[in-house]
PDB file of N, CA and C in Angstrom:
ATOM      1  N   MET A   1     -18.566  12.253  34.824  1.00  0.00           N
ATOM      2  CA  MET A   1     -17.346  11.744  34.234  1.00  0.00           C
ATOM      3  C   MET A   1     -16.141  12.315  34.979  1.00  0.00           C
ATOM      4  N   SER A   2     -15.129  11.477  35.177  1.00  0.00           N
ATOM      5  CA  SER A   2     -13.908  11.949  35.820  1.00  0.00           C
ATOM      6  C   SER A   2     -12.951  12.485  34.753  1.00  0.00           C
ATOM      7  N   ARG A   3     -11.936  13.191  35.209  1.00  0.00           N
ATOM      8  CA  ARG A   3     -10.946  13.781  34.315  1.00  0.00           C
ATOM      9  C   ARG A   3      -9.716  12.875  34.284  1.00  0.00           C
ATOM     10  N   PRO A   4      -9.516  12.092  33.218  1.00  0.00           N
ATOM     11  CA  PRO A   4      -8.381  11.183  33.144  1.00  0.00           C
ATOM     12  C   PRO A   4      -7.044  11.921  33.154  1.00  0.00           C
ATOM     13  N   ARG A   5      -6.078  11.314  33.821  1.00  0.00           N
ATOM     14  CA  ARG A   5      -4.706  11.821  33.849  1.00  0.00           C
ATOM     15  C   ARG A   5      -3.913  11.015  32.827  1.00  0.00           C
ATOM     16  N   VAL A   6      -3.378  11.693  31.833  1.00  0.00           N
ATOM     17  CA  VAL A   6      -2.603  11.041  30.775  1.00  0.00           C
ATOM     18  C   VAL A   6      -1.148  11.430  30.944  1.00  0.00           C
ATOM     19  N   GLU A   7      -0.288  10.422  31.019  1.00  0.00           N
ATOM     20  CA  GLU A   7       1.153  10.651  31.066  1.00  0.00           C
ATOM     21  C   GLU A   7       1.748  10.142  29.762  1.00  0.00           C
ATOM     22  N   ILE A   8       2.589  10.961  29.167  1.00  0.00           N
ATOM     23  CA  ILE A   8       3.328  10.551  27.979  1.00  0.00           C
ATOM     24  C   ILE A   8       4.792  10.573  28.372  1.00  0.00           C
ATOM     25  N   LEU A   9       5.349   9.385  28.562  1.00  0.00           N
ATOM     26  CA  LEU A   9       6.750   9.251  28.949  1.00  0.00           C
ATOM     27  C   LEU A   9       7.599   9.191  27.686  1.00  0.00           C
ATOM     28  N   PHE A  10       8.730   9.889  27.711  1.00  0.00           N
ATOM     29  CA  PHE A  10       9.583   9.970  26.532  1.00  0.00           C
ATOM     30  C   PHE A  10      11.019  10.223  26.963  1.00  0.00           C
ATOM     31  N   PHE A  11      11.939  10.089  26.015  1.00  0.00           N
ATOM     32  CA  PHE A  11      13.302  10.545  26.268  1.00  0.00           C
ATOM     33  C   PHE A  11      13.690  11.499  25.149  1.00  0.00           C
ATOM     34  N   GLU A  12      14.544  12.442  25.487  1.00  0.00           N
ATOM     35  CA  GLU A  12      14.992  13.437  24.526  1.00  0.00           C
ATOM     36  C   GLU A  12      15.700  12.749  23.368  1.00  0.00           C
ATOM     37  N   GLY A  13      15.333  13.114  22.156  1.00  0.00           N
ATOM     38  CA  GLY A  13      15.946  12.525  20.974  1.00  0.00           C
ATOM     39  C   GLY A  13      15.021  11.585  20.226  1.00  0.00           C
ATOM     40  N   CYS A  14      13.960  11.118  20.867  1.00  0.00           N
ATOM     41  CA  CYS A  14      12.993  10.274  20.170  1.00  0.00           C
ATOM     42  C   CYS A  14      11.847  11.183  19.698  1.00  0.00           C
ATOM     43  N   PRO A  15      11.566  11.214  18.401  1.00  0.00           N
ATOM     44  CA  PRO A  15      10.622  12.188  17.862  1.00  0.00           C
ATOM     45  C   PRO A  15       9.144  11.831  18.028  1.00  0.00           C
ATOM     46  N   ASN A  16       8.830  10.707  18.645  1.00  0.00           N
ATOM     47  CA  ASN A  16       7.451  10.220  18.618  1.00  0.00           C
ATOM     48  C   ASN A  16       6.542  10.723  19.734  1.00  0.00           C
ATOM     49  N   HIS A  17       7.077  11.423  20.731  1.00  0.00           N
ATOM     50  CA  HIS A  17       6.195  11.825  21.827  1.00  0.00           C
ATOM     51  C   HIS A  17       5.257  12.967  21.448  1.00  0.00           C
ATOM     52  N   GLU A  18       5.682  13.869  20.577  1.00  0.00           N
ATOM     53  CA  GLU A  18       4.781  14.963  20.172  1.00  0.00           C
ATOM     54  C   GLU A  18       3.607  14.438  19.341  1.00  0.00           C
ATOM     55  N   PRO A  19       3.834  13.544  18.374  1.00  0.00           N
ATOM     56  CA  PRO A  19       2.681  12.950  17.683  1.00  0.00           C
ATOM     57  C   PRO A  19       1.772  12.176  18.641  1.00  0.00           C
ATOM     58  N   ALA A  20       2.337  11.538  19.655  1.00  0.00           N
ATOM     59  CA  ALA A  20       1.516  10.832  20.648  1.00  0.00           C
ATOM     60  C   ALA A  20       0.657  11.819  21.430  1.00  0.00           C
ATOM     61  N   ARG A  21       1.228  12.954  21.795  1.00  0.00           N
ATOM     62  CA  ARG A  21       0.461  13.991  22.494  1.00  0.00           C
ATOM     63  C   ARG A  21      -0.690  14.476  21.623  1.00  0.00           C
ATOM     64  N   ARG A  22      -0.395  14.712  20.343  1.00  0.00           N
ATOM     65  CA  ARG A  22      -1.458  15.161  19.430  1.00  0.00           C
ATOM     66  C   ARG A  22      -2.543  14.103  19.274  1.00  0.00           C
ATOM     67  N   LEU A  23      -2.153  12.827  19.232  1.00  0.00           N
ATOM     68  CA  LEU A  23      -3.128  11.732  19.150  1.00  0.00           C
ATOM     69  C   LEU A  23      -4.041  11.746  20.370  1.00  0.00           C
ATOM     70  N   VAL A  24      -3.470  11.860  21.548  1.00  0.00           N
ATOM     71  CA  VAL A  24      -4.268  11.892  22.776  1.00  0.00           C
ATOM     72  C   VAL A  24      -5.200  13.102  22.773  1.00  0.00           C
ATOM     73  N   GLU A  25      -4.683  14.256  22.407  1.00  0.00           N
ATOM     74  CA  GLU A  25      -5.511  15.463  22.374  1.00  0.00           C
ATOM     75  C   GLU A  25      -6.667  15.322  21.389  1.00  0.00           C
ATOM     76  N   ARG A  26      -6.389  14.755  20.205  1.00  0.00           N
ATOM     77  CA  ARG A  26      -7.437  14.569  19.198  1.00  0.00           C
ATOM     78  C   ARG A  26      -8.500  13.593  19.673  1.00  0.00           C
ATOM     79  N   MET A  27      -8.066  12.461  20.248  1.00  0.00           N
ATOM     80  CA  MET A  27      -9.031  11.467  20.730  1.00  0.00           C
ATOM     81  C   MET A  27      -9.888  12.047  21.859  1.00  0.00           C
ATOM     82  N   ALA A  28      -9.254  12.776  22.771  1.00  0.00           N
ATOM     83  CA  ALA A  28     -10.000  13.382  23.882  1.00  0.00           C
ATOM     84  C   ALA A  28     -11.022  14.383  23.352  1.00  0.00           C
ATOM     85  N   ALA A  29     -10.634  15.184  22.355  1.00  0.00           N
ATOM     86  CA  ALA A  29     -11.567  16.160  21.777  1.00  0.00           C
ATOM     87  C   ALA A  29     -12.729  15.456  21.092  1.00  0.00           C
ATOM     88  N   GLU A  30     -12.439  14.407  20.330  1.00  0.00           N
ATOM     89  CA  GLU A  30     -13.506  13.655  19.656  1.00  0.00           C
ATOM     90  C   GLU A  30     -14.479  13.048  20.657  1.00  0.00           C
ATOM     91  N   LEU A  31     -13.962  12.583  21.780  1.00  0.00           N
ATOM     92  CA  LEU A  31     -14.798  11.947  22.805  1.00  0.00           C
ATOM     93  C   LEU A  31     -15.397  12.965  23.777  1.00  0.00           C
ATOM     94  N   ARG A  32     -14.960  14.223  23.649  1.00  0.00           N
ATOM     95  CA  ARG A  32     -15.389  15.293  24.563  1.00  0.00           C
ATOM     96  C   ARG A  32     -15.047  14.955  26.014  1.00  0.00           C
ATOM     97  N   ILE A  33     -13.806  14.492  26.174  1.00  0.00           N
ATOM     98  CA  ILE A  33     -13.295  14.151  27.500  1.00  0.00           C
ATOM     99  C   ILE A  33     -12.181  15.138  27.828  1.00  0.00           C
ATOM    100  N   GLU A  34     -12.313  15.810  28.933  1.00  0.00           N
ATOM    101  CA  GLU A  34     -11.268  16.721  29.378  1.00  0.00           C
ATOM    102  C   GLU A  34     -10.202  15.910  30.094  1.00  0.00           C
ATOM    103  N   THR A  35      -8.964  16.060  29.642  1.00  0.00           N
ATOM    104  CA  THR A  35      -7.865  15.293  30.220  1.00  0.00           C
ATOM    105  C   THR A  35      -6.829  16.233  30.828  1.00  0.00           C
ATOM    106  N   GLU A  36      -6.018  15.655  31.681  1.00  0.00           N
ATOM    107  CA  GLU A  36      -4.833  16.324  32.197  1.00  0.00           C
ATOM    108  C   GLU A  36      -3.651  15.592  31.576  1.00  0.00           C
ATOM    109  N   ILE A  37      -2.936  16.242  30.663  1.00  0.00           N
ATOM    110  CA  ILE A  37      -1.816  15.611  29.972  1.00  0.00           C
ATOM    111  C   ILE A  37      -0.515  16.095  30.593  1.00  0.00           C
ATOM    112  N   ARG A  38       0.322  15.127  30.918  1.00  0.00           N
ATOM    113  CA  ARG A  38       1.614  15.436  31.530  1.00  0.00           C
ATOM    114  C   ARG A  38       2.712  14.738  30.737  1.00  0.00           C
ATOM    115  N   LEU A  39       3.695  15.527  30.278  1.00  0.00           N
ATOM    116  CA  LEU A  39       4.860  14.960  29.603  1.00  0.00           C
ATOM    117  C   LEU A  39       5.911  14.649  30.657  1.00  0.00           C
ATOM    118  N   VAL A  40       6.426  13.413  30.628  1.00  0.00           N
ATOM    119  CA  VAL A  40       7.402  12.963  31.618  1.00  0.00           C
ATOM    120  C   VAL A  40       8.671  12.556  30.879  1.00  0.00           C
ATOM    121  N   GLU A  41       9.731  13.326  31.070  1.00  0.00           N
ATOM    122  CA  GLU A  41      10.998  12.995  30.422  1.00  0.00           C
ATOM    123  C   GLU A  41      11.757  11.964  31.251  1.00  0.00           C
ATOM    124  N   VAL A  42      12.171  10.896  30.608  1.00  0.00           N
ATOM    125  CA  VAL A  42      12.973   9.843  31.233  1.00  0.00           C
ATOM    126  C   VAL A  42      14.414  10.104  30.811  1.00  0.00           C
ATOM    127  N   THR A  43      15.279  10.331  31.784  1.00  0.00           N
ATOM    128  CA  THR A  43      16.622  10.830  31.462  1.00  0.00           C
ATOM    129  C   THR A  43      17.729   9.790  31.438  1.00  0.00           C
ATOM    130  N   ASP A  44      17.519   8.633  32.094  1.00  0.00           N
ATOM    131  CA  ASP A  44      18.586   7.627  32.125  1.00  0.00           C
ATOM    132  C   ASP A  44      18.009   6.249  32.417  1.00  0.00           C
ATOM    133  N   ALA A  45      18.881   5.243  32.380  1.00  0.00           N
ATOM    134  CA  ALA A  45      18.448   3.850  32.567  1.00  0.00           C
ATOM    135  C   ALA A  45      17.844   3.622  33.955  1.00  0.00           C
ATOM    136  N   ALA A  46      18.372   4.281  34.975  1.00  0.00           N
ATOM    137  CA  ALA A  46      17.829   4.126  36.329  1.00  0.00           C
ATOM    138  C   ALA A  46      16.397   4.658  36.394  1.00  0.00           C
ATOM    139  N   ALA A  47      16.166   5.800  35.770  1.00  0.00           N
ATOM    140  CA  ALA A  47      14.813   6.370  35.733  1.00  0.00           C
ATOM    141  C   ALA A  47      13.887   5.476  34.916  1.00  0.00           C
ATOM    142  N   ALA A  48      14.399   4.895  33.825  1.00  0.00           N
ATOM    143  CA  ALA A  48      13.589   3.987  33.005  1.00  0.00           C
ATOM    144  C   ALA A  48      13.108   2.801  33.836  1.00  0.00           C
ATOM    145  N   ALA A  49      13.989   2.247  34.633  1.00  0.00           N
ATOM    146  CA  ALA A  49      13.614   1.112  35.486  1.00  0.00           C
ATOM    147  C   ALA A  49      12.619   1.550  36.553  1.00  0.00           C
ATOM    148  N   GLU A  50      12.883   2.676  37.188  1.00  0.00           N
ATOM    149  CA  GLU A  50      12.002   3.160  38.255  1.00  0.00           C
ATOM    150  C   GLU A  50      10.597   3.469  37.737  1.00  0.00           C
ATOM    151  N   LEU A  51      10.516   4.038  36.534  1.00  0.00           N
ATOM    152  CA  LEU A  51       9.226   4.409  35.957  1.00  0.00           C
ATOM    153  C   LEU A  51       8.578   3.295  35.147  1.00  0.00           C
ATOM    154  N   ARG A  52       9.268   2.139  35.053  1.00  0.00           N
ATOM    155  CA  ARG A  52       8.780   1.003  34.267  1.00  0.00           C
ATOM    156  C   ARG A  52       8.516   1.445  32.823  1.00  0.00           C
ATOM    157  N   PHE A  53       9.518   2.107  32.277  1.00  0.00           N
ATOM    158  CA  PHE A  53       9.455   2.738  30.963  1.00  0.00           C
ATOM    159  C   PHE A  53       9.777   1.720  29.882  1.00  0.00           C
ATOM    160  N   THR A  54       8.827   1.460  29.007  1.00  0.00           N
ATOM    161  CA  THR A  54       9.011   0.452  27.960  1.00  0.00           C
ATOM    162  C   THR A  54       9.341   1.069  26.610  1.00  0.00           C
ATOM    163  N   GLY A  55       9.758   2.321  26.614  1.00  0.00           N
ATOM    164  CA  GLY A  55      10.167   2.992  25.388  1.00  0.00           C
ATOM    165  C   GLY A  55       9.362   4.245  25.127  1.00  0.00           C
ATOM    166  N   SER A  56       9.905   5.070  24.238  1.00  0.00           N
ATOM    167  CA  SER A  56       9.326   6.374  23.936  1.00  0.00           C
ATOM    168  C   SER A  56       8.557   6.335  22.628  1.00  0.00           C
ATOM    169  N   PRO A  57       7.285   6.733  22.665  1.00  0.00           N
ATOM    170  CA  PRO A  57       6.538   7.215  23.810  1.00  0.00           C
ATOM    171  C   PRO A  57       5.781   6.087  24.500  1.00  0.00           C
ATOM    172  N   THR A  58       5.677   6.185  25.798  1.00  0.00           N
ATOM    173  CA  THR A  58       4.791   5.323  26.568  1.00  0.00           C
ATOM    174  C   THR A  58       3.617   6.194  26.982  1.00  0.00           C
ATOM    175  N   VAL A  59       2.411   5.780  26.617  1.00  0.00           N
ATOM    176  CA  VAL A  59       1.205   6.539  26.936  1.00  0.00           C
ATOM    177  C   VAL A  59       0.435   5.784  28.003  1.00  0.00           C
ATOM    178  N   ARG A  60       0.226   6.442  29.132  1.00  0.00           N
ATOM    179  CA  ARG A  60      -0.521   5.847  30.242  1.00  0.00           C
ATOM    180  C   ARG A  60      -1.719   6.723  30.584  1.00  0.00           C
ATOM    181  N   VAL A  61      -2.835   6.080  30.813  1.00  0.00           N
ATOM    182  CA  VAL A  61      -4.039   6.778  31.257  1.00  0.00           C
ATOM    183  C   VAL A  61      -4.342   6.291  32.666  1.00  0.00           C
ATOM    184  N   ASP A  62      -4.349   7.214  33.591  1.00  0.00           N
ATOM    185  CA  ASP A  62      -4.519   6.903  35.016  1.00  0.00           C
ATOM    186  C   ASP A  62      -3.569   5.793  35.457  1.00  0.00           C
ATOM    187  N   GLY A  63      -2.325   5.877  34.973  1.00  0.00           N
ATOM    188  CA  GLY A  63      -1.271   4.967  35.400  1.00  0.00           C
ATOM    189  C   GLY A  63      -1.190   3.652  34.650  1.00  0.00           C
ATOM    190  N   VAL A  64      -2.094   3.424  33.695  1.00  0.00           N
ATOM    191  CA  VAL A  64      -2.136   2.151  32.966  1.00  0.00           C
ATOM    192  C   VAL A  64      -1.748   2.389  31.508  1.00  0.00           C
ATOM    193  N   ASP A  65      -0.776   1.604  31.028  1.00  0.00           N
ATOM    194  CA  ASP A  65      -0.342   1.697  29.638  1.00  0.00           C
ATOM    195  C   ASP A  65      -1.535   1.426  28.721  1.00  0.00           C
ATOM    196  N   VAL A  66      -1.669   2.214  27.650  1.00  0.00           N
ATOM    197  CA  VAL A  66      -2.807   2.023  26.749  1.00  0.00           C
ATOM    198  C   VAL A  66      -2.695   0.741  25.930  1.00  0.00           C
ATOM    199  N   GLU A  67      -1.484   0.214  25.764  1.00  0.00           N
ATOM    200  CA  GLU A  67      -1.319  -1.013  24.989  1.00  0.00           C
ATOM    201  C   GLU A  67      -1.705  -2.217  25.841  1.00  0.00           C
ATOM    202  N   PRO A  68      -2.684  -2.989  25.399  1.00  0.00           N
ATOM    203  CA  PRO A  68      -3.073  -4.177  26.164  1.00  0.00           C
ATOM    204  C   PRO A  68      -1.883  -5.116  26.375  1.00  0.00           C
ATOM    205  N   GLY A  69      -1.715  -5.594  27.596  1.00  0.00           N
ATOM    206  CA  GLY A  69      -0.655  -6.533  27.920  1.00  0.00           C
ATOM    207  C   GLY A  69       0.681  -5.895  28.246  1.00  0.00           C
ATOM    208  N   ALA A  70       0.827  -4.601  28.045  1.00  0.00           N
ATOM    209  CA  ALA A  70       2.119  -3.940  28.277  1.00  0.00           C
ATOM    210  C   ALA A  70       2.526  -3.966  29.746  1.00  0.00           C
ATOM    211  N   GLY A  71       1.571  -4.046  30.650  1.00  0.00           N
ATOM    212  CA  GLY A  71       1.884  -4.063  32.073  1.00  0.00           C
ATOM    213  C   GLY A  71       2.662  -5.292  32.502  1.00  0.00           C
ATOM    214  N   ALA A  72       2.638  -6.341  31.691  1.00  0.00           N
ATOM    215  CA  ALA A  72       3.351  -7.573  32.029  1.00  0.00           C
ATOM    216  C   ALA A  72       4.825  -7.527  31.624  1.00  0.00           C
ATOM    217  N   ARG A  73       5.214  -6.521  30.885  1.00  0.00           N
ATOM    218  CA  ARG A  73       6.609  -6.440  30.432  1.00  0.00           C
ATOM    219  C   ARG A  73       7.551  -6.192  31.598  1.00  0.00           C
ATOM    220  N   ARG A  74       8.745  -6.743  31.488  1.00  0.00           N
ATOM    221  CA  ARG A  74       9.751  -6.602  32.544  1.00  0.00           C
ATOM    222  C   ARG A  74      11.065  -6.014  32.035  1.00  0.00           C
ATOM    223  N   GLU A  75      11.078  -5.591  30.769  1.00  0.00           N
ATOM    224  CA  GLU A  75      12.277  -4.983  30.204  1.00  0.00           C
ATOM    225  C   GLU A  75      12.027  -3.490  30.043  1.00  0.00           C
ATOM    226  N   PHE A  76      12.805  -2.696  30.755  1.00  0.00           N
ATOM    227  CA  PHE A  76      12.633  -1.246  30.756  1.00  0.00           C
ATOM    228  C   PHE A  76      13.869  -0.625  30.133  1.00  0.00           C
ATOM    229  N   VAL A  77      13.651   0.176  29.074  1.00  0.00           N
ATOM    230  CA  VAL A  77      14.760   0.644  28.252  1.00  0.00           C
ATOM    231  C   VAL A  77      14.623   2.118  27.894  1.00  0.00           C
ATOM    232  N   LEU A  78      15.747   2.707  27.620  1.00  0.00           N
ATOM    233  CA  LEU A  78      15.806   4.076  27.132  1.00  0.00           C
ATOM    234  C   LEU A  78      15.959   3.993  25.609  1.00  0.00           C
ATOM    235  N   ALA A  79      14.831   3.776  24.919  1.00  0.00           N
ATOM    236  CA  ALA A  79      14.831   3.577  23.475  1.00  0.00           C
ATOM    237  C   ALA A  79      13.485   4.012  22.908  1.00  0.00           C
ATOM    238  N   CYS A  80      13.450   4.183  21.597  1.00  0.00           N
ATOM    239  CA  CYS A  80      12.170   4.457  20.952  1.00  0.00           C
ATOM    240  C   CYS A  80      11.322   3.183  20.986  1.00  0.00           C
ATOM    241  N   ARG A  81      10.035   3.354  21.187  1.00  0.00           N
ATOM    242  CA  ARG A  81       9.118   2.222  21.284  1.00  0.00           C
ATOM    243  C   ARG A  81       8.489   1.946  19.924  1.00  0.00           C
ATOM    244  N   ILE A  82       8.357   0.689  19.603  1.00  0.00           N
ATOM    245  CA  ILE A  82       7.706   0.261  18.373  1.00  0.00           C
ATOM    246  C   ILE A  82       6.389  -0.408  18.749  1.00  0.00           C
ATOM    247  N   TYR A  83       5.314   0.064  18.143  1.00  0.00           N
ATOM    248  CA  TYR A  83       3.979  -0.493  18.377  1.00  0.00           C
ATOM    249  C   TYR A  83       3.547  -1.302  17.168  1.00  0.00           C
ATOM    250  N   ARG A  84       2.949  -2.456  17.422  1.00  0.00           N
ATOM    251  CA  ARG A  84       2.323  -3.234  16.361  1.00  0.00           C
ATOM    252  C   ARG A  84       0.898  -2.705  16.222  1.00  0.00           C
ATOM    253  N   ARG A  85       0.580  -2.263  15.000  1.00  0.00           N
ATOM    254  CA  ARG A  85      -0.716  -1.647  14.750  1.00  0.00           C
ATOM    255  C   ARG A  85      -1.403  -2.335  13.582  1.00  0.00           C
ATOM    256  N   GLU A  86      -2.644  -1.898  13.304  1.00  0.00           N
ATOM    257  CA  GLU A  86      -3.401  -2.468  12.194  1.00  0.00           C
ATOM    258  C   GLU A  86      -2.647  -2.338  10.873  1.00  0.00           C
ATOM    259  N   ASP A  87      -1.931  -1.229  10.707  1.00  0.00           N
ATOM    260  CA  ASP A  87      -1.242  -0.946   9.448  1.00  0.00           C
ATOM    261  C   ASP A  87       0.231  -1.349   9.466  1.00  0.00           C
ATOM    262  N   GLY A  88       0.621  -2.189  10.404  1.00  0.00           N
ATOM    263  CA  GLY A  88       2.007  -2.641  10.498  1.00  0.00           C
ATOM    264  C   GLY A  88       2.610  -2.239  11.824  1.00  0.00           C
ATOM    265  N   VAL A  89       3.771  -1.603  11.779  1.00  0.00           N
ATOM    266  CA  VAL A  89       4.403  -1.125  13.003  1.00  0.00           C
ATOM    267  C   VAL A  89       4.649   0.370  12.881  1.00  0.00           C
ATOM    268  N   GLY A  90       4.742   1.029  14.026  1.00  0.00           N
ATOM    269  CA  GLY A  90       4.991   2.463  14.017  1.00  0.00           C
ATOM    270  C   GLY A  90       5.338   2.965  15.392  1.00  0.00           C
ATOM    271  N   GLY A  91       5.532   4.247  15.495  1.00  0.00           N
ATOM    272  CA  GLY A  91       5.949   4.869  16.740  1.00  0.00           C
ATOM    273  C   GLY A  91       4.817   5.375  17.604  1.00  0.00           C
ATOM    274  N   GLN A  92       3.567   5.068  17.225  1.00  0.00           N
ATOM    275  CA  GLN A  92       2.402   5.518  17.987  1.00  0.00           C
ATOM    276  C   GLN A  92       1.523   4.325  18.364  1.00  0.00           C
ATOM    277  N   PRO A  93       0.856   4.429  19.508  1.00  0.00           N
ATOM    278  CA  PRO A  93      -0.108   3.374  19.839  1.00  0.00           C
ATOM    279  C   PRO A  93      -1.310   3.427  18.902  1.00  0.00           C
ATOM    280  N   ARG A  94      -2.051   2.355  18.862  1.00  0.00           N
ATOM    281  CA  ARG A  94      -3.278   2.320  18.064  1.00  0.00           C
ATOM    282  C   ARG A  94      -4.276   3.337  18.608  1.00  0.00           C
ATOM    283  N   GLU A  95      -4.987   3.996  17.708  1.00  0.00           N
ATOM    284  CA  GLU A  95      -6.021   4.945  18.115  1.00  0.00           C
ATOM    285  C   GLU A  95      -7.053   4.262  19.006  1.00  0.00           C
ATOM    286  N   SER A  96      -7.398   3.027  18.665  1.00  0.00           N
ATOM    287  CA  SER A  96      -8.414   2.311  19.439  1.00  0.00           C
ATOM    288  C   SER A  96      -7.969   2.086  20.879  1.00  0.00           C
ATOM    289  N   TRP A  97      -6.664   1.893  21.101  1.00  0.00           N
ATOM    290  CA  TRP A  97      -6.168   1.717  22.469  1.00  0.00           C
ATOM    291  C   TRP A  97      -6.344   3.000  23.268  1.00  0.00           C
ATOM    292  N   VAL A  98      -6.007   4.138  22.651  1.00  0.00           N
ATOM    293  CA  VAL A  98      -6.145   5.432  23.326  1.00  0.00           C
ATOM    294  C   VAL A  98      -7.623   5.711  23.586  1.00  0.00           C
ATOM    295  N   HIS A  99      -8.447   5.470  22.587  1.00  0.00           N
ATOM    296  CA  HIS A  99      -9.896   5.653  22.730  1.00  0.00           C
ATOM    297  C   HIS A  99     -10.437   4.851  23.896  1.00  0.00           C
ATOM    298  N   ASP A 100     -10.130   3.561  23.906  1.00  0.00           N
ATOM    299  CA  ASP A 100     -10.666   2.674  24.952  1.00  0.00           C
ATOM    300  C   ASP A 100     -10.157   3.062  26.336  1.00  0.00           C
ATOM    301  N   ALA A 101      -8.884   3.429  26.429  1.00  0.00           N
ATOM    302  CA  ALA A 101      -8.311   3.817  27.722  1.00  0.00           C
ATOM    303  C   ALA A 101      -8.968   5.092  28.251  1.00  0.00           C
ATOM    304  N   LEU A 102      -9.201   6.062  27.368  1.00  0.00           N
ATOM    305  CA  LEU A 102      -9.856   7.304  27.795  1.00  0.00           C
ATOM    306  C   LEU A 102     -11.301   7.038  28.227  1.00  0.00           C
ATOM    307  N   MET A 103     -11.996   6.201  27.482  1.00  0.00           N
ATOM    308  CA  MET A 103     -13.390   5.885  27.837  1.00  0.00           C
ATOM    309  C   MET A 103     -13.457   5.169  29.191  1.00  0.00           C
ATOM    310  N   ARG A 104     -12.573   4.212  29.421  1.00  0.00           N
ATOM    311  CA  ARG A 104     -12.577   3.507  30.707  1.00  0.00           C
ATOM    312  C   ARG A 104     -12.310   4.475  31.848  1.00  0.00           C
ATOM    313  N   ALA A 105     -11.356   5.362  31.672  1.00  0.00           N
ATOM    314  CA  ALA A 105     -10.955   6.280  32.737  1.00  0.00           C
ATOM    315  C   ALA A 105     -12.024   7.347  32.991  1.00  0.00           C
ATOM    316  N   ALA A 106     -12.766   7.713  31.974  1.00  0.00           N
ATOM    317  CA  ALA A 106     -13.744   8.793  32.119  1.00  0.00           C
ATOM    318  C   ALA A 106     -15.037   8.341  32.776  1.00  0.00           C
ATOM    319  N   THR A 107     -15.288   7.048  32.794  1.00  0.00           N
ATOM    320  CA  THR A 107     -16.558   6.566  33.363  1.00  0.00           C
ATOM    321  C   THR A 107     -16.376   5.982  34.742  1.00  0.00           C
TER     322      THR A 107
END
């Protein structure tokens, strides 16, 4: 198994990146996958465009956003990200997305 690289992109002032980090850590522990987690602060609109930042938090595993279809987005913003989940909307990606992304990257 390879060691997936997880990036959590965020901007200062949005409270959702720490819960996203905890979600990734919990999923990795449950799957027994050792990850390299890197927090990436996005500081301005130019950096958001350069990093293809779709809001805070953006969780990428080996460079791929965990949300299916997110790679097709063309609007990059310095804002909190809203995820559509099984239980409505929230500031975290679906657990199943993180699970699937880690499994794909580890094999």
